[in-house]
Amino acid sequence: MNSTTPLLIEDTNLSHAWSRAFLHIIDNPGKEISPLVITLTGFTNGIPKEDQVIRDALDNSLLVNNEQKVHTVANTIFPYSLWKHSINDRNKLFEIYLNALPRYKALARHKNRRGIYFERLIAFGSGSNNVNQLEYIISHYKPGIRKSMFQASIFDPALDHINDKYLPFPCLQHVSFVPQNNEKTLTLNAFYATQKIFEKAYGNYLGLCRLGEFMAHEMGLTFERMNCFIGVAKMDTITKSHSSLTTLTDLARKALD
């Protein structure tokens, strides 16, 4: 039986927040949490705290199951290394990313054939109507302006309302950015219709945090909180008793003791 009671997880460590959601599914009947809310704080210069032991164990389990590592998943939401390579020049970041986009899609044709999250954020739409939603938010931001302006869509009905039985992209539907505390801090909110707890969730949370850090930096604010609402968090492509999860599960329990 799957849980229909909302689960709220608040933490100051990304690894521990993910572990709580992961263990909740492991320890309870069914393979879903509906809904799940993750709220994360405790950033250091915009960087979330992590437990490297847990992250390494998760990466090892992902590789055993031919899944993408945490960093790769996070890069689909925000290409952190490219931003640093651009020396925090967002226009250079956008240019480099869009120029390299065909290569990124070719590296994982099956996973990226319908698009990549950061692509939708900076080139939403098609043809000459593409919109850089992040640039619009950054360039129009000033204290006191209406907060409903600071939102960006991923889901595009023109592309994504199709009848495929399985659609791997996009699970992330929407993000919004909320200046708080008299415009000194920034909160990022994200909504997922569904999310794969084992394969994607950790990388999703890390990518969202990095996106929040980027937007706060460009808006002259301090990144303070990431809220992620997931309609259905699930673990449906691997059994909860799978041998590749044993070490990961034990380390997650130990970290939370």
C-alpha atoms as a PDB file:
ATOM      1  CA  MET A   1       0.000   0.000   0.000  1.00  0.00           C
ATOM      2  CA  ASN A   2       1.452   3.381  -0.996  1.00  0.00           C
ATOM      3  CA  SER A   3       1.463   6.346   1.345  1.00  0.00           C
ATOM      4  CA  THR A   4      -0.902   9.222   0.558  1.00  0.00           C
ATOM      5  CA  THR A   5       0.099  11.180   3.669  1.00  0.00           C
ATOM      6  CA  PRO A   6       2.330  14.155   2.885  1.00  0.00           C
ATOM      7  CA  LEU A   7       5.896  13.710   4.078  1.00  0.00           C
ATOM      8  CA  LEU A   8       7.842  16.859   4.967  1.00  0.00           C
ATOM      9  CA  ILE A   9      11.615  16.547   5.328  1.00  0.00           C
ATOM     10  CA  GLU A  10      13.565  19.588   6.544  1.00  0.00           C
ATOM     11  CA  ASP A  11      17.328  19.379   6.920  1.00  0.00           C
ATOM     12  CA  THR A  12      20.574  21.325   6.708  1.00  0.00           C
ATOM     13  CA  ASN A  13      22.429  18.528   4.931  1.00  0.00           C
ATOM     14  CA  LEU A  14      21.463  17.456   1.403  1.00  0.00           C
ATOM     15  CA  SER A  15      22.714  13.894   1.858  1.00  0.00           C
ATOM     16  CA  HIS A  16      20.716  13.428   5.036  1.00  0.00           C
ATOM     17  CA  ALA A  17      17.545  14.915   3.514  1.00  0.00           C
ATOM     18  CA  TRP A  18      17.811  12.496   0.599  1.00  0.00           C
ATOM     19  CA  SER A  19      18.554   9.602   2.988  1.00  0.00           C
ATOM     20  CA  ARG A  20      15.395  10.293   4.989  1.00  0.00           C
ATOM     21  CA  ALA A  21      13.244  10.087   1.858  1.00  0.00           C
ATOM     22  CA  PHE A  22      15.089   6.994   0.588  1.00  0.00           C
ATOM     23  CA  LEU A  23      14.799   5.139   3.911  1.00  0.00           C
ATOM     24  CA  HIS A  24      11.132   6.093   4.249  1.00  0.00           C
ATOM     25  CA  ILE A  25      10.410   4.106   1.092  1.00  0.00           C
ATOM     26  CA  ILE A  26      12.747   1.276   2.106  1.00  0.00           C
ATOM     27  CA  ASP A  27      11.126   0.931   5.543  1.00  0.00           C
ATOM     28  CA  ASN A  28       7.459   1.311   4.612  1.00  0.00           C
ATOM     29  CA  PRO A  29       4.989  -0.648   2.471  1.00  0.00           C
ATOM     30  CA  GLY A  30       4.835   0.280  -1.190  1.00  0.00           C
ATOM     31  CA  LYS A  31       7.367   2.114  -3.335  1.00  0.00           C
ATOM     32  CA  GLU A  32       5.974   5.651  -3.393  1.00  0.00           C
ATOM     33  CA  ILE A  33       5.617   8.782  -1.283  1.00  0.00           C
ATOM     34  CA  SER A  34       2.800  11.068  -2.384  1.00  0.00           C
ATOM     35  CA  PRO A  35       3.410  13.903  -1.885  1.00  0.00           C
ATOM     36  CA  LEU A  36       6.941  14.556  -0.643  1.00  0.00           C
ATOM     37  CA  VAL A  37       8.291  17.963   0.340  1.00  0.00           C
ATOM     38  CA  ILE A  38      12.024  18.545   0.795  1.00  0.00           C
ATOM     39  CA  THR A  39      13.180  21.820   2.315  1.00  0.00           C
ATOM     40  CA  LEU A  40      16.902  22.413   2.609  1.00  0.00           C
ATOM     41  CA  THR A  41      18.894  25.176   4.317  1.00  0.00           C
ATOM     42  CA  GLY A  42      22.354  25.488   5.859  1.00  0.00           C
ATOM     43  CA  PHE A  43      24.265  26.608   2.776  1.00  0.00           C
ATOM     44  CA  THR A  44      27.869  27.814   2.938  1.00  0.00           C
ATOM     45  CA  ASN A  45      28.431  30.476   0.292  1.00  0.00           C
ATOM     46  CA  GLY A  46      25.503  28.976  -1.578  1.00  0.00           C
ATOM     47  CA  ILE A  47      26.866  25.419  -1.410  1.00  0.00           C
ATOM     48  CA  PRO A  48      24.775  22.732   0.334  1.00  0.00           C
ATOM     49  CA  LYS A  49      26.352  20.601   3.038  1.00  0.00           C
ATOM     50  CA  GLU A  50      26.818  16.963   2.034  1.00  0.00           C
ATOM     51  CA  ASP A  51      27.931  13.690   3.561  1.00  0.00           C
ATOM     52  CA  GLN A  52      30.557  12.415   1.121  1.00  0.00           C
ATOM     53  CA  VAL A  53      30.265   8.839   2.397  1.00  0.00           C
ATOM     54  CA  ILE A  54      26.588   8.712   1.420  1.00  0.00           C
ATOM     55  CA  ARG A  55      27.135  10.415  -1.907  1.00  0.00           C
ATOM     56  CA  ASP A  56      29.973   8.050  -2.834  1.00  0.00           C
ATOM     57  CA  ALA A  57      27.883   5.027  -1.864  1.00  0.00           C
ATOM     58  CA  LEU A  58      24.983   6.288  -3.951  1.00  0.00           C
ATOM     59  CA  ASP A  59      27.257   6.919  -6.945  1.00  0.00           C
ATOM     60  CA  ASN A  60      28.610   3.381  -6.639  1.00  0.00           C
ATOM     61  CA  SER A  61      25.106   1.923  -6.563  1.00  0.00           C
ATOM     62  CA  LEU A  62      24.065   4.048  -9.536  1.00  0.00           C
ATOM     63  CA  LEU A  63      27.033   2.875 -11.597  1.00  0.00           C
ATOM     64  CA  VAL A  64      26.295  -0.774 -10.783  1.00  0.00           C
ATOM     65  CA  ASN A  65      22.790  -0.247 -12.153  1.00  0.00           C
ATOM     66  CA  ASN A  66      23.979   1.629 -15.266  1.00  0.00           C
ATOM     67  CA  GLU A  67      22.518   4.907 -14.055  1.00  0.00           C
ATOM     68  CA  GLN A  68      24.021   8.388 -14.221  1.00  0.00           C
ATOM     69  CA  LYS A  69      26.085   9.626 -11.281  1.00  0.00           C
ATOM     70  CA  VAL A  70      24.826  12.423  -9.030  1.00  0.00           C
ATOM     71  CA  HIS A  71      26.976  15.108 -10.671  1.00  0.00           C
ATOM     72  CA  THR A  72      25.718  14.216 -14.155  1.00  0.00           C
ATOM     73  CA  VAL A  73      22.087  14.458 -13.078  1.00  0.00           C
ATOM     74  CA  ALA A  74      22.735  17.776 -11.306  1.00  0.00           C
ATOM     75  CA  ASN A  75      24.311  19.182 -14.474  1.00  0.00           C
ATOM     76  CA  THR A  76      21.067  18.711 -16.391  1.00  0.00           C
ATOM     77  CA  ILE A  77      19.524  21.379 -14.147  1.00  0.00           C
ATOM     78  CA  PHE A  78      22.541  23.650 -13.808  1.00  0.00           C
ATOM     79  CA  PRO A  79      25.982  23.157 -15.426  1.00  0.00           C
ATOM     80  CA  TYR A  80      28.010  24.219 -12.405  1.00  0.00           C
ATOM     81  CA  SER A  81      31.446  23.530 -13.899  1.00  0.00           C
ATOM     82  CA  LEU A  82      30.646  25.634 -16.969  1.00  0.00           C
ATOM     83  CA  TRP A  83      29.630  28.555 -14.777  1.00  0.00           C
ATOM     84  CA  LYS A  84      32.950  28.427 -12.952  1.00  0.00           C
ATOM     85  CA  HIS A  85      34.763  28.034 -16.283  1.00  0.00           C
ATOM     86  CA  SER A  86      32.930  31.178 -17.439  1.00  0.00           C
ATOM     87  CA  ILE A  87      34.349  33.004 -14.396  1.00  0.00           C
ATOM     88  CA  ASN A  88      30.781  33.737 -13.237  1.00  0.00           C
ATOM     89  CA  ASP A  89      29.988  35.543 -16.510  1.00  0.00           C
ATOM     90  CA  ARG A  90      26.404  34.447 -17.171  1.00  0.00           C
ATOM     91  CA  ASN A  91      26.326  35.618 -20.791  1.00  0.00           C
ATOM     92  CA  LYS A  92      29.400  33.538 -21.511  1.00  0.00           C
ATOM     93  CA  LEU A  93      27.810  30.610 -19.671  1.00  0.00           C
ATOM     94  CA  PHE A  94      24.664  30.810 -21.797  1.00  0.00           C
ATOM     95  CA  GLU A  95      26.674  31.068 -25.006  1.00  0.00           C
ATOM     96  CA  ILE A  96      28.988  28.170 -24.212  1.00  0.00           C
ATOM     97  CA  TYR A  97      26.112  25.941 -23.142  1.00  0.00           C
ATOM     98  CA  LEU A  98      23.965  26.540 -26.206  1.00  0.00           C
ATOM     99  CA  ASN A  99      26.934  26.040 -28.526  1.00  0.00           C
ATOM    100  CA  ALA A 100      27.720  22.731 -26.812  1.00  0.00           C
ATOM    101  CA  LEU A 101      24.096  21.594 -26.554  1.00  0.00           C
ATOM    102  CA  PRO A 102      24.142  19.321 -29.654  1.00  0.00           C
ATOM    103  CA  ARG A 103      27.151  17.499 -28.192  1.00  0.00           C
ATOM    104  CA  TYR A 104      25.468  17.099 -24.797  1.00  0.00           C
ATOM    105  CA  LYS A 105      22.399  15.590 -26.430  1.00  0.00           C
ATOM    106  CA  ALA A 106      24.534  13.259 -28.536  1.00  0.00           C
ATOM    107  CA  LEU A 107      26.284  11.916 -25.431  1.00  0.00           C
ATOM    108  CA  ALA A 108      23.000  10.473 -24.158  1.00  0.00           C
ATOM    109  CA  ARG A 109      20.602  10.448 -27.085  1.00  0.00           C
ATOM    110  CA  HIS A 110      17.935   8.365 -25.381  1.00  0.00           C
ATOM    111  CA  LYS A 111      17.886  10.430 -22.188  1.00  0.00           C
ATOM    112  CA  ASN A 112      18.305  13.876 -23.784  1.00  0.00           C
ATOM    113  CA  ARG A 113      16.468  13.539 -27.082  1.00  0.00           C
ATOM    114  CA  ARG A 114      13.477  15.574 -25.864  1.00  0.00           C
ATOM    115  CA  GLY A 115      15.516  18.244 -24.127  1.00  0.00           C
ATOM    116  CA  ILE A 116      17.551  19.091 -21.049  1.00  0.00           C
ATOM    117  CA  TYR A 117      16.311  21.098 -18.075  1.00  0.00           C
ATOM    118  CA  PHE A 118      18.843  23.913 -18.335  1.00  0.00           C
ATOM    119  CA  GLU A 119      18.081  24.153 -22.052  1.00  0.00           C
ATOM    120  CA  ARG A 120      14.410  24.770 -21.276  1.00  0.00           C
ATOM    121  CA  LEU A 121      15.372  27.401 -18.705  1.00  0.00           C
ATOM    122  CA  ILE A 122      17.487  29.445 -21.120  1.00  0.00           C
ATOM    123  CA  ALA A 123      15.893  28.548 -24.481  1.00  0.00           C
ATOM    124  CA  PHE A 124      12.229  27.820 -23.808  1.00  0.00           C
ATOM    125  CA  GLY A 125      10.056  27.474 -26.896  1.00  0.00           C
ATOM    126  CA  SER A 126      11.056  26.843 -30.470  1.00  0.00           C
ATOM    127  CA  GLY A 127      12.801  28.636 -33.305  1.00  0.00           C
ATOM    128  CA  SER A 128      12.932  32.423 -33.120  1.00  0.00           C
ATOM    129  CA  ASN A 129      10.557  32.407 -30.135  1.00  0.00           C
ATOM    130  CA  ASN A 130      13.072  30.901 -27.715  1.00  0.00           C
ATOM    131  CA  VAL A 131      13.078  32.696 -24.357  1.00  0.00           C
ATOM    132  CA  ASN A 132      15.936  32.833 -21.849  1.00  0.00           C
ATOM    133  CA  GLN A 133      13.778  32.742 -18.742  1.00  0.00           C
ATOM    134  CA  LEU A 134      16.677  33.060 -16.304  1.00  0.00           C
ATOM    135  CA  GLU A 135      18.059  36.142 -18.052  1.00  0.00           C
ATOM    136  CA  TYR A 136      14.622  37.730 -18.026  1.00  0.00           C
ATOM    137  CA  ILE A 137      14.297  37.205 -14.273  1.00  0.00           C
ATOM    138  CA  ILE A 138      17.803  38.450 -13.514  1.00  0.00           C
ATOM    139  CA  SER A 139      17.671  41.512 -15.758  1.00  0.00           C
ATOM    140  CA  HIS A 140      14.219  42.583 -14.529  1.00  0.00           C
ATOM    141  CA  TYR A 141      14.853  41.980 -10.845  1.00  0.00           C
ATOM    142  CA  LYS A 142      14.867  44.898  -8.441  1.00  0.00           C
ATOM    143  CA  PRO A 143      13.696  45.148  -4.829  1.00  0.00           C
ATOM    144  CA  GLY A 144       9.975  45.613  -4.498  1.00  0.00           C
ATOM    145  CA  ILE A 145       8.969  44.283  -7.906  1.00  0.00           C
ATOM    146  CA  ARG A 146       6.124  41.726  -8.006  1.00  0.00           C
ATOM    147  CA  LYS A 147       7.368  38.292  -7.022  1.00  0.00           C
ATOM    148  CA  SER A 148       5.097  36.457  -9.465  1.00  0.00           C
ATOM    149  CA  MET A 149       7.515  37.583 -12.196  1.00  0.00           C
ATOM    150  CA  PHE A 150      10.320  35.348 -10.930  1.00  0.00           C
ATOM    151  CA  GLN A 151       9.185  31.969 -12.261  1.00  0.00           C
ATOM    152  CA  ALA A 152      10.316  29.711 -15.079  1.00  0.00           C
ATOM    153  CA  SER A 153       8.598  26.806 -16.815  1.00  0.00           C
ATOM    154  CA  ILE A 154      10.034  23.489 -17.927  1.00  0.00           C
ATOM    155  CA  PHE A 155       6.897  21.685 -19.065  1.00  0.00           C
ATOM    156  CA  ASP A 156       5.826  22.834 -22.529  1.00  0.00           C
ATOM    157  CA  PRO A 157       2.350  21.610 -23.539  1.00  0.00           C
ATOM    158  CA  ALA A 158       3.199  22.039 -27.217  1.00  0.00           C
ATOM    159  CA  LEU A 159       5.985  19.450 -26.839  1.00  0.00           C
ATOM    160  CA  ASP A 160       5.078  17.400 -23.788  1.00  0.00           C
ATOM    161  CA  HIS A 161       1.364  16.629 -24.102  1.00  0.00           C
ATOM    162  CA  ILE A 162       1.876  13.322 -25.884  1.00  0.00           C
ATOM    163  CA  ASN A 163       0.450   9.865 -25.286  1.00  0.00           C
ATOM    164  CA  ASP A 164       3.679   7.903 -24.789  1.00  0.00           C
ATOM    165  CA  LYS A 165       3.331   5.239 -22.099  1.00  0.00           C
ATOM    166  CA  TYR A 166       6.644   6.310 -20.565  1.00  0.00           C
ATOM    167  CA  LEU A 167       8.076   9.817 -20.824  1.00  0.00           C
ATOM    168  CA  PRO A 168      11.448  10.318 -19.078  1.00  0.00           C
ATOM    169  CA  PHE A 169      11.474  14.100 -19.567  1.00  0.00           C
ATOM    170  CA  PRO A 170      10.410  16.452 -18.105  1.00  0.00           C
ATOM    171  CA  CYS A 171       9.695  15.353 -14.530  1.00  0.00           C
ATOM    172  CA  LEU A 172      10.621  18.804 -13.201  1.00  0.00           C
ATOM    173  CA  GLN A 173       7.771  21.080 -14.223  1.00  0.00           C
ATOM    174  CA  HIS A 174       8.400  24.530 -12.806  1.00  0.00           C
ATOM    175  CA  VAL A 175      10.714  26.642 -10.636  1.00  0.00           C
ATOM    176  CA  SER A 176      10.196  29.967  -8.899  1.00  0.00           C
ATOM    177  CA  PHE A 177      12.566  32.335  -7.120  1.00  0.00           C
ATOM    178  CA  VAL A 178      11.393  34.302  -4.084  1.00  0.00           C
ATOM    179  CA  PRO A 179      13.424  37.196  -2.618  1.00  0.00           C
ATOM    180  CA  GLN A 180      12.984  37.167   1.165  1.00  0.00           C
ATOM    181  CA  ASN A 181      13.872  39.193   4.269  1.00  0.00           C
ATOM    182  CA  ASN A 182      13.695  42.640   2.680  1.00  0.00           C
ATOM    183  CA  GLU A 183      15.354  41.399  -0.537  1.00  0.00           C
ATOM    184  CA  LYS A 184      18.544  40.085   1.060  1.00  0.00           C
ATOM    185  CA  THR A 185      18.044  36.345   0.601  1.00  0.00           C
ATOM    186  CA  LEU A 186      16.606  34.066  -2.070  1.00  0.00           C
ATOM    187  CA  THR A 187      14.429  30.961  -1.837  1.00  0.00           C
ATOM    188  CA  LEU A 188      14.057  28.546  -4.756  1.00  0.00           C
ATOM    189  CA  ASN A 189      10.862  26.526  -5.134  1.00  0.00           C
ATOM    190  CA  ALA A 190      10.587  23.569  -7.508  1.00  0.00           C
ATOM    191  CA  PHE A 191       7.699  21.289  -8.484  1.00  0.00           C
ATOM    192  CA  TYR A 192       8.044  17.739  -9.775  1.00  0.00           C
ATOM    193  CA  ALA A 193       5.059  15.767 -11.008  1.00  0.00           C
ATOM    194  CA  THR A 194       7.058  12.579 -10.359  1.00  0.00           C
ATOM    195  CA  GLN A 195      10.605  11.887  -9.207  1.00  0.00           C
ATOM    196  CA  LYS A 196      12.768   8.774  -9.065  1.00  0.00           C
ATOM    197  CA  ILE A 197      14.181   8.645  -5.549  1.00  0.00           C
ATOM    198  CA  PHE A 198      17.077   6.283  -6.278  1.00  0.00           C
ATOM    199  CA  GLU A 199      18.096   7.277  -9.791  1.00  0.00           C
ATOM    200  CA  LYS A 200      17.500  11.033  -9.850  1.00  0.00           C
ATOM    201  CA  ALA A 201      16.445  12.678  -6.586  1.00  0.00           C
ATOM    202  CA  TYR A 202      19.867  13.390  -5.053  1.00  0.00           C
ATOM    203  CA  GLY A 203      21.160  14.882  -8.299  1.00  0.00           C
ATOM    204  CA  ASN A 204      17.920  16.831  -8.694  1.00  0.00           C
ATOM    205  CA  TYR A 205      18.296  18.434  -5.271  1.00  0.00           C
ATOM    206  CA  LEU A 206      21.959  19.245  -5.895  1.00  0.00           C
ATOM    207  CA  GLY A 207      21.201  20.760  -9.296  1.00  0.00           C
ATOM    208  CA  LEU A 208      18.399  22.885  -7.844  1.00  0.00           C
ATOM    209  CA  CYS A 209      20.696  24.137  -5.088  1.00  0.00           C
ATOM    210  CA  ARG A 210      23.335  25.084  -7.663  1.00  0.00           C
ATOM    211  CA  LEU A 211      20.697  26.849  -9.750  1.00  0.00           C
ATOM    212  CA  GLY A 212      19.596  28.735  -6.642  1.00  0.00           C
ATOM    213  CA  GLU A 213      23.171  29.746  -5.895  1.00  0.00           C
ATOM    214  CA  PHE A 214      23.611  31.014  -9.456  1.00  0.00           C
ATOM    215  CA  MET A 215      20.404  33.043  -9.424  1.00  0.00           C
ATOM    216  CA  ALA A 216      21.124  34.521  -5.993  1.00  0.00           C
ATOM    217  CA  HIS A 217      24.600  35.547  -7.130  1.00  0.00           C
ATOM    218  CA  GLU A 218      23.277  37.228 -10.267  1.00  0.00           C
ATOM    219  CA  MET A 219      20.454  38.973  -8.366  1.00  0.00           C
ATOM    220  CA  GLY A 220      22.809  40.246  -5.657  1.00  0.00           C
ATOM    221  CA  LEU A 221      21.220  38.095  -2.952  1.00  0.00           C
ATOM    222  CA  THR A 222      22.236  35.243  -0.642  1.00  0.00           C
ATOM    223  CA  PHE A 223      20.816  31.803  -1.369  1.00  0.00           C
ATOM    224  CA  GLU A 224      19.016  30.634   1.770  1.00  0.00           C
ATOM    225  CA  ARG A 225      16.515  27.836   1.077  1.00  0.00           C
ATOM    226  CA  MET A 226      15.552  25.225  -1.506  1.00  0.00           C
ATOM    227  CA  ASN A 227      12.013  23.852  -1.388  1.00  0.00           C
ATOM    228  CA  CYS A 228      11.124  20.905  -3.602  1.00  0.00           C
ATOM    229  CA  PHE A 229       7.535  19.628  -3.877  1.00  0.00           C
ATOM    230  CA  ILE A 230       7.164  16.189  -5.466  1.00  0.00           C
ATOM    231  CA  GLY A 231       3.719  14.913  -6.419  1.00  0.00           C
ATOM    232  CA  VAL A 232       4.845  11.278  -6.493  1.00  0.00           C
ATOM    233  CA  ALA A 233       8.308  10.228  -5.304  1.00  0.00           C
ATOM    234  CA  LYS A 234       8.902   6.643  -6.338  1.00  0.00           C
ATOM    235  CA  MET A 235      11.347   3.781  -6.593  1.00  0.00           C
ATOM    236  CA  ASP A 236       9.875   1.675  -9.357  1.00  0.00           C
ATOM    237  CA  THR A 237      12.790   0.417 -11.457  1.00  0.00           C
ATOM    238  CA  ILE A 238      14.687  -1.436  -8.725  1.00  0.00           C
ATOM    239  CA  THR A 239      13.530  -3.659  -5.881  1.00  0.00           C
ATOM    240  CA  LYS A 240      13.980  -2.386  -2.345  1.00  0.00           C
ATOM    241  CA  SER A 241      15.890  -5.567  -1.475  1.00  0.00           C
ATOM    242  CA  HIS A 242      18.300  -5.321  -4.406  1.00  0.00           C
ATOM    243  CA  SER A 243      21.843  -6.250  -3.348  1.00  0.00           C
ATOM    244  CA  SER A 244      23.294  -3.034  -4.805  1.00  0.00           C
ATOM    245  CA  LEU A 245      21.338  -1.032  -2.211  1.00  0.00           C
ATOM    246  CA  THR A 246      22.576  -2.883   0.876  1.00  0.00           C
ATOM    247  CA  THR A 247      25.688  -0.836   1.617  1.00  0.00           C
ATOM    248  CA  LEU A 248      23.945   2.409   0.703  1.00  0.00           C
ATOM    249  CA  THR A 249      21.028   1.629   3.014  1.00  0.00           C
ATOM    250  CA  ASP A 250      23.334   0.723   5.921  1.00  0.00           C
ATOM    251  CA  LEU A 251      25.391   3.914   5.522  1.00  0.00           C
ATOM    252  CA  ALA A 252      22.267   6.065   5.288  1.00  0.00           C
ATOM    253  CA  ARG A 253      20.946   4.573   8.532  1.00  0.00           C
ATOM    254  CA  LYS A 254      24.271   5.082  10.282  1.00  0.00           C
ATOM    255  CA  ALA A 255      24.409   8.745   9.183  1.00  0.00           C
ATOM    256  CA  LEU A 256      20.973   9.437  10.618  1.00  0.00           C
ATOM    257  CA  ASP A 257      21.488   7.621  13.951  1.00  0.00           C
END
